[in-house]
N, C-alpha and C. Protein backbone atom coordinates (compact mmCIF):
# COMPACT_ATOMS: atom_id res chain seq x y z
N MET A 1 19.70 -1.11 31.95
CA MET A 1 18.84 -0.23 31.20
C MET A 1 18.45 -0.90 29.89
N ASN A 2 17.15 -0.84 29.53
CA ASN A 2 16.66 -1.43 28.30
C ASN A 2 17.00 -0.55 27.11
N LYS A 3 17.46 -1.18 26.06
CA LYS A 3 17.74 -0.47 24.82
C LYS A 3 16.42 -0.21 24.11
N LYS A 4 16.24 0.99 23.62
CA LYS A 4 15.02 1.34 22.90
C LYS A 4 15.09 0.78 21.48
N PHE A 5 14.01 0.18 21.04
CA PHE A 5 13.90 -0.37 19.69
C PHE A 5 13.73 0.78 18.71
N THR A 6 14.54 0.79 17.67
CA THR A 6 14.49 1.90 16.71
C THR A 6 14.07 1.40 15.33
N LYS A 7 13.28 2.23 14.65
CA LYS A 7 12.78 1.92 13.31
C LYS A 7 13.12 3.06 12.37
N ALA A 8 13.28 2.72 11.11
CA ALA A 8 13.50 3.74 10.09
C ALA A 8 12.86 3.27 8.79
N MET A 9 12.56 4.24 7.94
CA MET A 9 12.05 3.93 6.61
C MET A 9 12.88 4.68 5.59
N PHE A 10 13.22 4.00 4.53
CA PHE A 10 13.94 4.59 3.41
C PHE A 10 13.04 4.42 2.19
N ALA A 11 12.54 5.50 1.67
CA ALA A 11 11.59 5.44 0.56
C ALA A 11 12.18 6.06 -0.69
N GLY A 12 11.81 5.51 -1.81
CA GLY A 12 12.25 6.04 -3.09
C GLY A 12 11.65 5.22 -4.21
N SER A 13 11.90 5.66 -5.44
CA SER A 13 11.39 4.89 -6.58
C SER A 13 12.32 3.72 -6.90
N PHE A 14 13.60 3.85 -6.60
CA PHE A 14 14.58 2.79 -6.80
C PHE A 14 14.48 2.21 -8.22
N ASP A 15 14.45 3.09 -9.18
CA ASP A 15 14.27 2.66 -10.58
C ASP A 15 15.39 3.22 -11.44
N PRO A 16 16.52 2.56 -11.42
CA PRO A 16 16.87 1.32 -10.73
C PRO A 16 17.50 1.60 -9.37
N ILE A 17 17.65 0.53 -8.57
CA ILE A 17 18.38 0.67 -7.32
C ILE A 17 19.86 0.86 -7.67
N THR A 18 20.51 1.76 -6.96
CA THR A 18 21.91 2.09 -7.27
C THR A 18 22.82 1.71 -6.11
N ASN A 19 24.13 1.79 -6.35
CA ASN A 19 25.09 1.55 -5.27
C ASN A 19 24.92 2.57 -4.15
N GLY A 20 24.53 3.78 -4.50
CA GLY A 20 24.27 4.81 -3.49
C GLY A 20 23.10 4.42 -2.60
N HIS A 21 22.02 3.90 -3.19
CA HIS A 21 20.89 3.41 -2.41
C HIS A 21 21.34 2.29 -1.48
N LEU A 22 22.10 1.34 -2.04
CA LEU A 22 22.55 0.19 -1.24
C LEU A 22 23.45 0.63 -0.09
N ASP A 23 24.28 1.63 -0.33
CA ASP A 23 25.15 2.14 0.73
C ASP A 23 24.31 2.69 1.88
N ILE A 24 23.28 3.47 1.55
CA ILE A 24 22.39 4.03 2.58
C ILE A 24 21.67 2.90 3.32
N ILE A 25 21.17 1.92 2.58
CA ILE A 25 20.46 0.80 3.19
C ILE A 25 21.38 0.03 4.14
N CYS A 26 22.60 -0.27 3.70
CA CYS A 26 23.54 -1.00 4.54
C CYS A 26 23.90 -0.22 5.80
N ARG A 27 24.16 1.06 5.65
CA ARG A 27 24.49 1.89 6.82
C ARG A 27 23.31 1.99 7.78
N ALA A 28 22.13 2.22 7.24
CA ALA A 28 20.94 2.36 8.09
C ALA A 28 20.61 1.05 8.80
N SER A 29 20.84 -0.08 8.14
CA SER A 29 20.53 -1.37 8.76
C SER A 29 21.43 -1.65 9.96
N LYS A 30 22.58 -1.00 10.02
CA LYS A 30 23.47 -1.15 11.17
C LYS A 30 23.08 -0.22 12.32
N ILE A 31 22.39 0.86 11.99
CA ILE A 31 22.01 1.86 13.00
C ILE A 31 20.67 1.52 13.63
N PHE A 32 19.71 1.07 12.82
CA PHE A 32 18.35 0.85 13.27
C PHE A 32 18.06 -0.64 13.43
N ASP A 33 17.18 -0.96 14.39
CA ASP A 33 16.78 -2.34 14.60
C ASP A 33 15.91 -2.84 13.46
N GLU A 34 15.08 -1.96 12.94
CA GLU A 34 14.18 -2.32 11.84
C GLU A 34 14.30 -1.26 10.75
N LEU A 35 14.51 -1.71 9.54
CA LEU A 35 14.58 -0.80 8.40
C LEU A 35 13.56 -1.26 7.37
N GLN A 36 12.61 -0.40 7.08
CA GLN A 36 11.63 -0.69 6.04
C GLN A 36 12.02 0.09 4.80
N ILE A 37 11.89 -0.56 3.66
CA ILE A 37 12.20 0.08 2.40
C ILE A 37 10.89 0.26 1.65
N GLY A 38 10.54 1.51 1.39
CA GLY A 38 9.30 1.82 0.69
C GLY A 38 9.59 2.07 -0.78
N VAL A 39 9.00 1.25 -1.63
CA VAL A 39 9.17 1.40 -3.08
C VAL A 39 7.98 2.19 -3.60
N LEU A 40 8.27 3.37 -4.13
CA LEU A 40 7.23 4.30 -4.55
C LEU A 40 7.19 4.47 -6.06
N HIS A 41 6.10 5.01 -6.52
CA HIS A 41 5.96 5.37 -7.94
C HIS A 41 6.18 6.87 -8.08
N ASN A 42 7.06 7.26 -8.96
CA ASN A 42 7.31 8.67 -9.23
C ASN A 42 6.71 8.99 -10.60
N PRO A 43 5.60 9.74 -10.63
CA PRO A 43 4.95 10.03 -11.92
C PRO A 43 5.79 10.94 -12.82
N ASN A 44 6.81 11.57 -12.25
CA ASN A 44 7.65 12.46 -13.04
C ASN A 44 8.82 11.73 -13.71
N LYS A 45 8.94 10.43 -13.49
CA LYS A 45 10.00 9.63 -14.08
C LYS A 45 9.42 8.57 -15.01
N LYS A 46 10.11 8.36 -16.10
CA LYS A 46 9.75 7.23 -16.96
C LYS A 46 10.50 6.03 -16.41
N GLY A 47 9.78 5.08 -15.90
CA GLY A 47 10.40 3.94 -15.23
C GLY A 47 11.04 2.94 -16.17
N LEU A 48 12.11 2.34 -15.69
CA LEU A 48 12.77 1.26 -16.42
C LEU A 48 12.19 -0.10 -16.04
N PHE A 49 11.84 -0.24 -14.76
CA PHE A 49 11.39 -1.52 -14.24
C PHE A 49 9.98 -1.40 -13.67
N SER A 50 9.25 -2.51 -13.69
CA SER A 50 7.93 -2.54 -13.06
C SER A 50 8.11 -2.50 -11.55
N PHE A 51 7.02 -2.24 -10.83
CA PHE A 51 7.06 -2.23 -9.37
C PHE A 51 7.59 -3.57 -8.85
N GLU A 52 7.04 -4.67 -9.38
CA GLU A 52 7.43 -6.01 -8.93
C GLU A 52 8.92 -6.27 -9.17
N GLU A 53 9.42 -5.83 -10.32
CA GLU A 53 10.84 -6.01 -10.63
C GLU A 53 11.72 -5.22 -9.66
N ARG A 54 11.31 -4.00 -9.33
CA ARG A 54 12.09 -3.18 -8.39
C ARG A 54 12.12 -3.82 -7.01
N VAL A 55 10.99 -4.34 -6.57
CA VAL A 55 10.93 -5.01 -5.26
C VAL A 55 11.85 -6.22 -5.26
N GLU A 56 11.82 -7.02 -6.30
CA GLU A 56 12.68 -8.21 -6.39
C GLU A 56 14.15 -7.82 -6.44
N LEU A 57 14.49 -6.76 -7.17
CA LEU A 57 15.88 -6.29 -7.21
C LEU A 57 16.36 -5.89 -5.83
N ILE A 58 15.52 -5.17 -5.10
CA ILE A 58 15.88 -4.74 -3.74
C ILE A 58 16.05 -5.95 -2.83
N LYS A 59 15.13 -6.90 -2.92
CA LYS A 59 15.24 -8.11 -2.09
C LYS A 59 16.54 -8.84 -2.37
N SER A 60 16.88 -8.98 -3.63
CA SER A 60 18.11 -9.73 -3.95
C SER A 60 19.36 -8.96 -3.53
N CYS A 61 19.32 -7.64 -3.63
CA CYS A 61 20.49 -6.82 -3.27
C CYS A 61 20.67 -6.68 -1.76
N THR A 62 19.61 -6.92 -0.99
CA THR A 62 19.68 -6.72 0.46
C THR A 62 19.53 -8.03 1.24
N SER A 63 19.57 -9.14 0.56
CA SER A 63 19.30 -10.43 1.22
C SER A 63 20.29 -10.76 2.33
N HIS A 64 21.45 -10.12 2.35
CA HIS A 64 22.44 -10.38 3.40
C HIS A 64 22.17 -9.61 4.68
N LEU A 65 21.21 -8.71 4.69
CA LEU A 65 20.92 -7.87 5.85
C LEU A 65 19.81 -8.51 6.68
N ASP A 66 20.14 -8.97 7.89
CA ASP A 66 19.21 -9.73 8.71
C ASP A 66 17.93 -8.97 9.04
N ASN A 67 18.03 -7.69 9.44
CA ASN A 67 16.81 -7.01 9.87
C ASN A 67 15.82 -6.82 8.73
N ILE A 68 16.30 -6.75 7.50
CA ILE A 68 15.39 -6.64 6.36
C ILE A 68 14.74 -7.99 6.10
N ARG A 69 15.51 -9.07 6.21
CA ARG A 69 14.94 -10.40 6.01
C ARG A 69 13.92 -10.73 7.10
N ILE A 70 14.17 -10.29 8.32
CA ILE A 70 13.23 -10.58 9.41
C ILE A 70 11.91 -9.84 9.18
N GLU A 71 11.96 -8.63 8.67
CA GLU A 71 10.72 -7.91 8.36
C GLU A 71 9.92 -8.66 7.30
N GLN A 72 10.60 -9.21 6.31
CA GLN A 72 9.92 -10.02 5.29
C GLN A 72 9.30 -11.26 5.95
N ALA A 73 10.05 -11.87 6.86
CA ALA A 73 9.56 -13.06 7.55
C ALA A 73 8.31 -12.76 8.37
N LYS A 74 8.29 -11.62 9.06
CA LYS A 74 7.12 -11.24 9.86
C LYS A 74 5.88 -11.14 8.98
N LYS A 75 6.03 -10.56 7.81
CA LYS A 75 4.88 -10.43 6.90
C LYS A 75 4.42 -11.80 6.41
N LEU A 76 5.36 -12.66 6.08
CA LEU A 76 5.00 -14.00 5.61
C LEU A 76 4.33 -14.82 6.71
N LEU A 77 4.77 -14.66 7.96
CA LEU A 77 4.19 -15.42 9.07
C LEU A 77 2.74 -15.05 9.33
N MET A 78 2.29 -13.93 8.81
CA MET A 78 0.89 -13.53 8.97
C MET A 78 -0.04 -14.33 8.06
N GLU A 79 0.53 -14.99 7.06
CA GLU A 79 -0.27 -15.80 6.15
C GLU A 79 -0.69 -17.09 6.84
N ASP A 80 -1.89 -17.56 6.53
CA ASP A 80 -2.46 -18.73 7.20
C ASP A 80 -1.75 -20.04 6.85
N ASN A 81 -1.53 -20.28 5.59
CA ASN A 81 -1.09 -21.60 5.14
C ASN A 81 0.41 -21.68 4.88
N ILE A 82 1.21 -21.07 5.73
CA ILE A 82 2.66 -21.14 5.55
C ILE A 82 3.30 -21.61 6.84
N LYS A 83 4.24 -22.51 6.71
CA LYS A 83 4.96 -23.07 7.85
C LYS A 83 6.23 -22.25 8.10
N VAL A 84 6.73 -22.33 9.31
CA VAL A 84 7.93 -21.57 9.68
C VAL A 84 9.12 -21.95 8.80
N TYR A 85 9.29 -23.23 8.53
CA TYR A 85 10.42 -23.64 7.70
C TYR A 85 10.32 -23.07 6.28
N GLN A 86 9.06 -22.90 5.79
CA GLN A 86 8.87 -22.30 4.46
C GLN A 86 9.25 -20.82 4.47
N VAL A 87 8.90 -20.13 5.55
CA VAL A 87 9.27 -18.73 5.70
C VAL A 87 10.79 -18.61 5.73
N CYS A 88 11.41 -19.48 6.51
CA CYS A 88 12.87 -19.51 6.63
C CYS A 88 13.51 -19.59 5.24
N GLU A 89 13.03 -20.49 4.42
CA GLU A 89 13.58 -20.67 3.07
C GLU A 89 13.28 -19.45 2.19
N LYS A 90 12.05 -18.92 2.27
CA LYS A 90 11.66 -17.80 1.41
C LYS A 90 12.47 -16.54 1.66
N VAL A 91 12.88 -16.32 2.90
CA VAL A 91 13.65 -15.11 3.20
C VAL A 91 15.15 -15.35 3.11
N GLY A 92 15.55 -16.56 2.69
CA GLY A 92 16.93 -16.79 2.35
C GLY A 92 17.83 -17.41 3.41
N TYR A 93 17.24 -17.94 4.48
CA TYR A 93 18.05 -18.64 5.47
C TYR A 93 18.09 -20.12 5.11
N LYS A 94 19.24 -20.71 5.20
CA LYS A 94 19.38 -22.14 4.90
C LYS A 94 19.28 -22.98 6.17
N ASN A 95 19.58 -22.39 7.31
CA ASN A 95 19.60 -23.11 8.59
C ASN A 95 18.45 -22.60 9.45
N ILE A 96 17.50 -23.48 9.76
CA ILE A 96 16.32 -23.08 10.53
C ILE A 96 16.67 -22.61 11.93
N ASP A 97 17.67 -23.23 12.56
CA ASP A 97 18.07 -22.82 13.91
C ASP A 97 18.64 -21.40 13.91
N TYR A 98 19.42 -21.10 12.89
CA TYR A 98 19.98 -19.75 12.75
C TYR A 98 18.85 -18.74 12.54
N PHE A 99 17.88 -19.10 11.69
CA PHE A 99 16.71 -18.24 11.46
C PHE A 99 15.97 -17.98 12.77
N HIS A 100 15.74 -19.04 13.55
CA HIS A 100 15.05 -18.90 14.84
C HIS A 100 15.80 -17.92 15.75
N SER A 101 17.12 -18.08 15.83
CA SER A 101 17.88 -17.21 16.74
C SER A 101 17.87 -15.76 16.27
N LYS A 102 17.99 -15.53 14.97
CA LYS A 102 17.95 -14.16 14.44
C LYS A 102 16.57 -13.55 14.63
N PHE A 103 15.53 -14.33 14.36
CA PHE A 103 14.16 -13.84 14.52
C PHE A 103 13.90 -13.44 15.96
N LYS A 104 14.29 -14.32 16.89
CA LYS A 104 14.07 -14.04 18.31
C LYS A 104 14.86 -12.81 18.76
N LYS A 105 16.06 -12.65 18.23
CA LYS A 105 16.88 -11.48 18.57
C LYS A 105 16.18 -10.18 18.18
N TYR A 106 15.59 -10.15 16.99
CA TYR A 106 14.98 -8.93 16.48
C TYR A 106 13.55 -8.71 16.97
N VAL A 107 12.80 -9.79 17.15
CA VAL A 107 11.37 -9.66 17.46
C VAL A 107 11.07 -9.91 18.94
N GLY A 108 11.89 -10.74 19.58
CA GLY A 108 11.69 -11.00 21.00
C GLY A 108 10.98 -12.30 21.30
N VAL A 109 10.44 -12.94 20.26
CA VAL A 109 9.79 -14.24 20.40
C VAL A 109 10.20 -15.11 19.21
N SER A 110 9.99 -16.40 19.35
CA SER A 110 10.31 -17.31 18.25
C SER A 110 9.34 -17.08 17.10
N PRO A 111 9.69 -17.51 15.89
CA PRO A 111 8.76 -17.36 14.76
C PRO A 111 7.42 -18.05 15.00
N LEU A 112 7.45 -19.24 15.60
CA LEU A 112 6.20 -19.95 15.85
C LEU A 112 5.33 -19.20 16.87
N ASN A 113 5.94 -18.71 17.95
CA ASN A 113 5.17 -17.93 18.93
C ASN A 113 4.64 -16.63 18.31
N TYR A 114 5.43 -16.02 17.44
CA TYR A 114 4.97 -14.81 16.75
C TYR A 114 3.73 -15.14 15.92
N LYS A 115 3.78 -16.22 15.18
CA LYS A 115 2.64 -16.64 14.35
C LYS A 115 1.41 -16.90 15.22
N LYS A 116 1.61 -17.58 16.35
CA LYS A 116 0.49 -17.86 17.26
C LYS A 116 -0.09 -16.56 17.83
N GLN A 117 0.78 -15.62 18.19
CA GLN A 117 0.31 -14.37 18.75
C GLN A 117 -0.40 -13.51 17.70
N ILE A 118 0.03 -13.60 16.45
CA ILE A 118 -0.69 -12.92 15.36
C ILE A 118 -2.10 -13.48 15.27
N GLU A 119 -2.21 -14.80 15.31
CA GLU A 119 -3.53 -15.46 15.22
C GLU A 119 -4.42 -15.06 16.38
N LEU A 120 -3.83 -14.81 17.55
CA LEU A 120 -4.60 -14.38 18.72
C LEU A 120 -4.86 -12.87 18.74
N GLY A 121 -4.27 -12.15 17.78
CA GLY A 121 -4.47 -10.72 17.70
C GLY A 121 -3.58 -9.89 18.59
N LYS A 122 -2.49 -10.46 19.11
CA LYS A 122 -1.64 -9.74 20.03
C LYS A 122 -0.62 -8.84 19.34
N PHE A 123 -0.38 -9.05 18.04
CA PHE A 123 0.58 -8.24 17.31
C PHE A 123 -0.09 -7.43 16.21
N LYS A 124 -1.34 -7.03 16.40
CA LYS A 124 -2.06 -6.30 15.37
C LYS A 124 -1.37 -5.01 14.99
N GLU A 125 -0.65 -4.38 15.92
CA GLU A 125 -0.01 -3.12 15.64
C GLU A 125 1.12 -3.26 14.62
N LEU A 126 1.56 -4.49 14.36
CA LEU A 126 2.62 -4.72 13.40
C LEU A 126 2.08 -4.88 11.98
N VAL A 127 0.78 -5.07 11.84
CA VAL A 127 0.20 -5.29 10.52
C VAL A 127 0.14 -4.00 9.74
C-alpha cells in the first residue's frame, strides 16, 4: 500500500520565534512529509524584527529539519542560474550525496531531475 504524502502549514508572525514555536515545528516535521512555515505580518503587533530577519531566524532555528530544508531547496532549484551543488550548500548540507538521497526521499526524484522537470513544466503545481 502506498503511503499518502502529507502537507501542513504553520503560520504566524514569529516576532520573535519562541521555543514554543520551535516545539510545534519540530513535532509537526515528524508527522508531516512537508511542513511550510508562513511568516505573516500582524498589524496589531509592534514588531521587533523585520520580515527578512524573522525568516532568517526561522531558517537558522530549523536548519536541522530535513523536510524544511528540502522545501527551501525546491524553491532554489526553480532559479535558472543555480547549480545543484550551490543549492546543497545554501540549504545547509555539507555532503552532496547525502543531499541527493534526502531530496529523492522527500520529492521522489533527484535534484537535477527535479530541476529539469521544472524547466519542462512538469512540476508547475509546486510553484
